[in-house]
Protein backbone atom coordinates (compact mmCIF):
# COMPACT_ATOMS: atom_id res chain seq x y z
CA VAL A 1 -36.47 -25.42 65.62
CA LEU A 2 -34.23 -24.34 62.49
CA VAL A 3 -31.49 -26.63 63.98
CA LYS A 4 -31.97 -30.32 63.46
CA GLY A 5 -31.57 -31.44 67.10
CA GLN A 6 -30.29 -35.20 66.24
CA GLN A 7 -27.95 -34.02 63.93
CA ARG A 8 -26.53 -31.01 65.97
CA ARG A 9 -25.95 -33.48 68.99
CA ASN A 10 -24.06 -36.13 66.41
CA ILE A 11 -22.11 -33.55 65.03
CA GLN A 12 -20.86 -31.72 68.10
CA SER A 13 -20.32 -35.28 69.85
CA LEU A 14 -18.38 -36.30 66.49
CA TRP A 15 -15.71 -32.83 67.10
CA ASP A 16 -15.63 -33.83 70.91
CA LYS A 17 -14.33 -37.36 69.60
CA GLY A 18 -11.46 -35.57 67.73
CA VAL A 19 -10.54 -33.59 70.69
CA ASN A 20 -10.61 -36.95 73.12
CA THR A 21 -8.62 -39.20 70.50
CA LYS A 22 -6.03 -36.82 69.84
CA PRO A 23 -3.11 -37.71 72.02
CA SER A 24 -2.71 -35.64 74.96
CA ASN A 25 0.05 -33.15 75.88
CA SER A 26 -0.21 -32.58 79.38
CA ASN A 27 2.06 -29.19 78.96
CA SER A 28 -1.31 -27.53 78.44
CA SER A 29 -2.81 -25.96 81.38
CA PHE A 30 -6.41 -27.10 82.78
CA PHE A 31 -7.54 -23.40 81.85
CA ASP A 32 -6.48 -23.34 78.37
CA LYS A 33 -7.80 -27.06 77.65
CA ASN A 34 -11.49 -25.56 78.98
CA ALA A 35 -11.38 -22.53 77.30
CA CYS A 36 -10.48 -24.15 74.20
CA LEU A 37 -13.36 -27.20 74.62
CA PHE A 38 -15.93 -24.46 75.50
CA ALA A 39 -15.01 -22.39 72.53
CA THR A 40 -15.06 -24.97 69.90
CA THR A 41 -18.37 -25.91 71.30
CA ALA A 42 -19.93 -22.96 71.09
CA GLY A 43 -18.21 -22.38 67.55
CA THR A 44 -19.24 -25.50 66.19
CA GLY A 45 -22.53 -25.64 67.49
CA LEU A 46 -23.44 -22.25 65.77
CA CYS A 47 -21.61 -23.20 62.56
CA VAL A 48 -23.94 -26.36 62.47
CA ALA A 49 -27.17 -24.10 63.09
CA SER A 50 -26.34 -22.13 60.23
CA ALA A 51 -25.78 -24.88 57.87
CA ASN A 52 -29.08 -26.42 59.02
CA ALA A 53 -31.11 -23.22 58.83
CA ILE A 54 -30.08 -22.51 55.19
CA ASN A 55 -30.46 -25.93 54.03
CA GLN A 56 -34.12 -25.94 55.32
CA LEU A 57 -34.57 -22.39 53.74
CA LEU A 58 -33.17 -23.91 50.32
CA GLU A 59 -35.70 -27.02 50.67
CA ILE A 60 -38.88 -25.69 51.66
CA PRO A 61 -40.63 -26.70 48.30
CA TYR A 62 -39.03 -30.30 48.45
CA ASP A 63 -39.33 -30.80 52.09
CA ALA A 64 -43.10 -29.99 51.80
CA GLN A 65 -43.47 -33.35 49.66
CA MET A 66 -41.65 -35.46 52.23
CA LEU A 67 -43.72 -36.97 55.06
CA ARG A 68 -40.20 -36.66 57.22
CA THR A 69 -40.00 -32.88 56.68
CA ARG A 70 -43.43 -31.36 55.86
CA ASN A 71 -44.18 -30.25 59.34
CA ARG A 72 -40.88 -28.26 59.50
CA VAL A 73 -41.44 -24.59 60.59
CA LEU A 74 -40.56 -22.83 57.17
CA VAL A 75 -42.76 -25.44 55.54
CA ARG A 76 -45.54 -24.79 57.98
CA ASN A 77 -44.82 -20.83 57.70
CA ALA A 78 -44.27 -20.39 61.25
CA ILE A 79 -41.36 -18.40 60.81
CA SER A 80 -40.89 -16.42 57.51
CA PRO A 81 -37.59 -17.28 55.06
CA ILE A 82 -36.27 -13.73 55.73
CA HIS A 83 -35.93 -14.85 59.66
CA ALA A 84 -34.26 -17.96 58.68
CA PHE A 85 -31.70 -16.36 56.71
CA SER A 86 -31.18 -13.96 58.93
CA PHE A 87 -30.41 -16.52 61.74
CA GLY A 88 -28.63 -18.67 59.32
CA THR A 89 -26.08 -15.82 58.33
CA LEU A 90 -26.04 -14.46 62.18
CA THR A 91 -25.18 -18.18 63.52
CA GLY A 92 -22.61 -18.69 60.83
CA ILE A 93 -20.74 -15.33 60.93
CA THR A 94 -20.68 -15.37 64.84
CA GLY A 95 -19.34 -19.42 64.96
CA VAL A 96 -16.48 -18.97 62.49
CA GLY A 97 -15.65 -15.72 64.23
CA ILE A 98 -15.75 -17.62 67.55
CA LEU A 99 -13.51 -20.42 66.38
CA SER A 100 -11.28 -17.71 64.25
CA THR A 101 -10.19 -15.81 67.68
CA MET A 102 -10.81 -18.13 70.27
CA VAL A 103 -9.57 -21.29 68.72
CA ASN A 104 -7.16 -20.85 65.73
CA PRO A 105 -7.74 -19.94 62.13
CA LEU A 106 -7.42 -23.61 60.68
CA THR A 107 -10.27 -24.86 62.78
CA ALA A 108 -12.35 -21.95 61.77
CA ILE A 109 -11.61 -22.31 58.31
CA LEU A 110 -12.96 -25.85 58.42
CA GLY A 111 -15.87 -24.71 59.77
CA ALA A 112 -16.74 -21.94 57.41
CA SER A 113 -15.76 -24.57 54.55
CA ASN A 114 -18.30 -27.30 56.05
CA ILE A 115 -21.06 -24.55 55.85
CA LEU A 116 -20.37 -23.87 52.21
CA LEU A 117 -20.01 -27.44 51.31
CA TYR A 118 -23.34 -28.27 52.82
CA THR A 119 -25.59 -25.44 51.45
CA CYS A 120 -24.02 -24.50 48.32
CA VAL A 121 -22.86 -28.06 46.78
CA TYR A 122 -24.42 -30.70 49.08
CA THR A 123 -27.96 -29.29 49.12
CA PRO A 124 -28.31 -28.40 45.24
CA MET A 125 -26.51 -31.73 44.24
CA LYS A 126 -29.24 -33.97 46.01
CA ARG A 127 -31.58 -33.23 43.16
CA LYS A 128 -28.86 -33.57 40.12
CA THR A 129 -26.66 -36.76 40.80
CA ILE A 130 -26.08 -39.51 43.17
CA ALA A 131 -22.28 -37.87 43.63
CA ASN A 132 -24.28 -35.82 46.39
CA THR A 133 -23.81 -38.54 48.84
CA TRP A 134 -19.97 -38.48 48.65
CA ILE A 135 -19.90 -35.28 49.27
CA GLY A 136 -22.30 -35.54 52.10
CA ALA A 137 -19.70 -37.78 53.94
CA ILE A 138 -17.16 -35.22 53.36
CA VAL A 139 -19.43 -32.74 55.68
CA GLY A 140 -19.73 -35.36 58.11
CA ALA A 141 -16.07 -36.41 58.18
CA ILE A 142 -14.90 -32.91 58.91
CA PRO A 143 -16.50 -31.97 62.44
CA PRO A 144 -13.71 -34.36 64.40
CA MET A 145 -11.14 -33.14 62.09
CA MET A 146 -12.05 -29.76 63.61
CA GLY A 147 -11.85 -31.09 67.19
CA TRP A 148 -8.49 -32.28 66.07
CA ALA A 149 -7.28 -28.82 64.50
CA ALA A 150 -8.92 -27.06 67.50
CA CYS A 151 -5.94 -29.03 70.01
CA THR A 152 -3.14 -28.83 67.52
CA ASN A 153 -3.61 -25.92 65.07
CA ASN A 154 -2.57 -28.76 62.27
CA LEU A 155 -3.95 -31.67 60.35
CA GLU A 156 -1.57 -34.43 61.00
CA LEU A 157 -2.58 -37.78 59.91
CA GLY A 158 -4.60 -38.95 62.84
CA ALA A 159 -6.99 -36.41 62.03
CA TRP A 160 -7.08 -37.76 58.34
CA ILE A 161 -7.71 -41.23 59.47
CA LEU A 162 -10.14 -39.86 61.93
CA GLY A 163 -12.02 -38.33 59.49
CA GLY A 164 -11.78 -41.14 57.31
CA ILE A 165 -13.42 -43.57 59.65
CA LEU A 166 -16.33 -41.14 59.82
CA TYR A 167 -16.41 -40.76 55.72
CA ALA A 168 -16.44 -44.68 55.66
CA TRP A 169 -18.93 -44.91 58.30
CA GLN A 170 -21.50 -42.54 56.95
CA PHE A 171 -22.39 -44.93 53.67
CA PRO A 172 -23.70 -48.11 55.64
CA HIS A 173 -25.48 -45.66 57.96
CA PHE A 174 -27.05 -43.18 55.18
CA ASN A 175 -27.82 -45.78 52.74
CA ALA A 176 -29.77 -48.19 55.25
CA ARG A 177 -31.70 -44.91 56.40
CA ALA A 178 -32.36 -43.98 53.06
CA TRP A 179 -33.99 -47.28 51.82
CA ASN A 180 -36.75 -46.89 54.14
CA MET A 181 -37.36 -43.46 52.84
CA ARG A 182 -36.87 -43.88 49.25
CA SER A 183 -40.94 -43.26 48.50
CA ASP A 184 -39.84 -39.69 49.94
CA TYR A 185 -36.76 -38.88 48.11
CA SER A 186 -38.53 -40.14 44.78
CA ARG A 187 -41.57 -37.98 45.42
CA ALA A 188 -39.37 -34.90 45.94
CA GLY A 189 -37.28 -35.49 43.00
CA TYR A 190 -34.14 -36.32 44.89
CA ARG A 191 -31.42 -38.29 43.13
CA MET A 192 -30.11 -40.78 45.87
CA MET A 193 -28.56 -44.01 44.92
CA VAL A 194 -31.33 -45.90 46.89
CA VAL A 195 -33.84 -44.31 44.22
CA THR A 196 -31.86 -44.61 40.84
CA ASN A 197 -30.01 -47.51 41.68
CA PRO A 198 -30.88 -49.69 44.50
CA LEU A 199 -28.09 -52.31 44.19
CA LEU A 200 -25.62 -49.77 43.92
CA ASN A 201 -26.93 -48.43 47.30
CA SER A 202 -26.26 -51.68 49.08
CA ARG A 203 -23.00 -52.45 47.31
CA VAL A 204 -21.59 -49.26 48.05
CA SER A 205 -22.63 -49.82 51.81
CA LEU A 206 -20.86 -52.91 51.85
CA ARG A 207 -17.63 -51.49 50.41
CA TYR A 208 -17.07 -48.68 52.34
CA THR A 209 -17.93 -51.07 55.52
CA LEU A 210 -14.91 -52.96 54.48
CA ALA A 211 -12.89 -49.96 54.21
CA LEU A 212 -13.45 -49.44 58.16
CA PHE A 213 -10.93 -52.35 58.74
CA PRO A 214 -7.73 -50.76 57.08
CA LEU A 215 -8.48 -47.03 58.47
CA SER A 216 -8.62 -48.78 62.20
CA TYR A 217 -5.61 -50.45 61.43
CA MET A 218 -3.78 -47.55 60.50
CA ALA A 219 -4.24 -45.82 63.80
CA PRO A 220 -2.10 -48.33 65.71
CA TYR A 221 0.30 -48.07 62.94
CA ILE A 222 1.12 -44.48 63.26
CA GLY A 223 1.18 -44.48 66.91
CA MET A 224 -2.32 -42.72 67.41
CA THR A 225 -3.43 -45.60 69.68
CA THR A 226 -2.23 -49.23 70.93
CA TRP A 227 -2.81 -52.23 69.12
CA TRP A 228 -5.07 -53.28 71.11
CA PHE A 229 -7.44 -50.93 69.32
CA ALA A 230 -6.57 -53.09 66.00
CA LEU A 231 -8.40 -56.46 67.81
CA ASP A 232 -11.13 -54.17 69.57
CA SER A 233 -12.01 -52.28 66.25
CA SER A 234 -12.40 -55.66 64.29
CA LEU A 235 -14.76 -56.99 66.76
CA ILE A 236 -17.22 -54.30 66.10
CA ASN A 237 -16.29 -53.64 62.84
CA CYS A 238 -17.42 -57.30 62.09
CA VAL A 239 -20.74 -56.68 63.54
CA LEU A 240 -21.16 -53.84 61.04
CA LEU A 241 -19.93 -55.81 58.09
CA LEU A 242 -22.48 -58.77 58.79
CA SER A 243 -25.53 -56.32 58.48
CA ALA A 244 -23.99 -54.85 55.57
CA TYR A 245 -23.39 -58.30 53.80
CA ARG A 246 -26.93 -59.16 54.78
CA PHE A 247 -28.23 -55.76 53.46
CA TRP A 248 -26.20 -56.24 50.03
CA LYS A 249 -27.34 -59.96 49.73
CA ASP A 250 -31.22 -58.94 50.34
CA SER A 251 -32.10 -55.48 50.50
CA ASN A 252 -35.40 -55.16 52.28
CA ASP A 253 -36.90 -53.07 55.17
CA LYS A 254 -35.95 -55.44 57.83
CA SER A 255 -32.21 -55.67 56.51
CA ALA A 256 -32.01 -51.85 56.46
CA ARG A 257 -33.33 -51.30 59.68
CA ASP A 258 -30.95 -53.86 61.26
CA LEU A 259 -27.84 -52.15 59.31
CA PHE A 260 -29.09 -48.55 60.22
CA PHE A 261 -29.28 -49.64 64.32
CA ALA A 262 -26.05 -51.54 63.81
CA SER A 263 -24.32 -48.20 62.37
CA LEU A 264 -25.82 -46.52 65.67
CA VAL A 265 -24.21 -48.69 67.91
CA HIS A 266 -20.68 -48.82 65.79
CA LEU A 267 -19.95 -45.22 65.70
CA PRO A 268 -19.76 -44.72 69.46
CA VAL A 269 -18.54 -47.95 70.52
CA ILE A 270 -15.65 -47.36 68.02
CA LEU A 271 -14.77 -43.96 69.08
CA ALA A 272 -14.92 -44.87 72.58
CA LEU A 273 -12.41 -47.82 71.90
CA MET A 274 -9.89 -45.24 70.26
CA MET A 275 -10.17 -43.01 73.21
CA ALA A 276 -9.64 -45.98 75.31
CA HIS A 277 -6.79 -47.50 73.69
CA LYS A 278 -5.01 -43.69 72.56
CA LYS A 279 -1.43 -43.20 73.35
CA ASP A 280 -0.80 -40.60 75.90
CA GLN A 281 2.02 -38.29 74.40
CA GLY A 282 2.04 -36.24 77.45
CA ILE A 283 2.93 -39.08 79.62
CA THR A 284 6.10 -39.92 77.47
CA MET A 285 7.13 -36.27 77.62
CA ASN A 286 6.92 -36.08 81.13
CA HIS A 287 9.39 -39.10 81.23
CA ASP A 288 11.83 -37.42 78.83
CA LEU A 289 11.65 -34.62 80.97
CA LEU A 290 12.22 -36.48 84.40
CA GLU A 291 15.06 -38.18 82.58
CA VAL A 292 16.70 -34.49 81.89
CA ASP A 293 16.52 -33.61 85.53
CA GLU A 294 18.02 -37.01 87.10
CA LYS A 295 20.85 -36.12 84.58
CA GLU A 296 21.11 -32.43 85.84
CA LEU A 297 21.00 -33.69 89.43
CA GLU A 298 23.89 -35.87 88.95
CA GLU A 299 26.06 -33.55 87.56
CA VAL A 300 25.44 -31.30 90.49
CA LEU A 301 26.17 -34.21 92.85
CA LEU A 302 29.31 -34.64 91.15
CA GLU A 303 30.32 -31.11 91.18
CA LEU A 304 29.75 -31.05 95.02
CA GLU A 305 31.79 -33.81 95.65
CA SER A 306 34.87 -32.56 93.64
């Protein structure tokens, strides 16, 4: 109950996309891949649980003022703050520990950084400055990079492209969602764009939707996907862009809902397209090995003939 179910599923899905969009290496054993998958799932899930629990603990008085959050367990005193703190601390330490010992230190650092960024920076910033949205977008962009880091133990350019797509996507998604919650945010004293500057809210949504186009084109440019992804991603990006343009042109409840639902469709589709069009480096590697074997075989045959 301390973990927001939809957010947990979304973030775990995002790091899973990071795992699956990384060009594969067939030299890894089936056991190693699945052990890494299990450990990253468990570690990431626990990190998400920790961040959500601590966030709810810090926002009890503000959650009580919002229709969407006033029935949370801490607001209703269904569990005590000390229990929430203990849960958040335990899940955070355990999650980072699993990532560090069973995956790799880089993934653990990303997980720990996301907990701290969410609870110590993003959460307090929400009541101080609209810049909180840009910080929150970083939090959402890190999970797929964790999936990439879990596979490779590094953050190659492809990881940053994947994180960049998630970063840009969050602005039309969140800003459209915030539009229909603006009275709640205002009542609780949150400094959101939709409260302080509605025109900026819709303009930023359009701006970052446009940014999805060059980010998507960078994937085939660096060899992360085939060039078919550039074509297919343009189609789904255009659908989101149309909704973002309508929201910018006339911000109202309907255009906000349309953009929000378009963003819900956009993300799984563009990530699925990225996986469908990814280049399999493992196949190339096997072909290289086969070429070496053929050369060695020719040398052996020549020696036998002589």
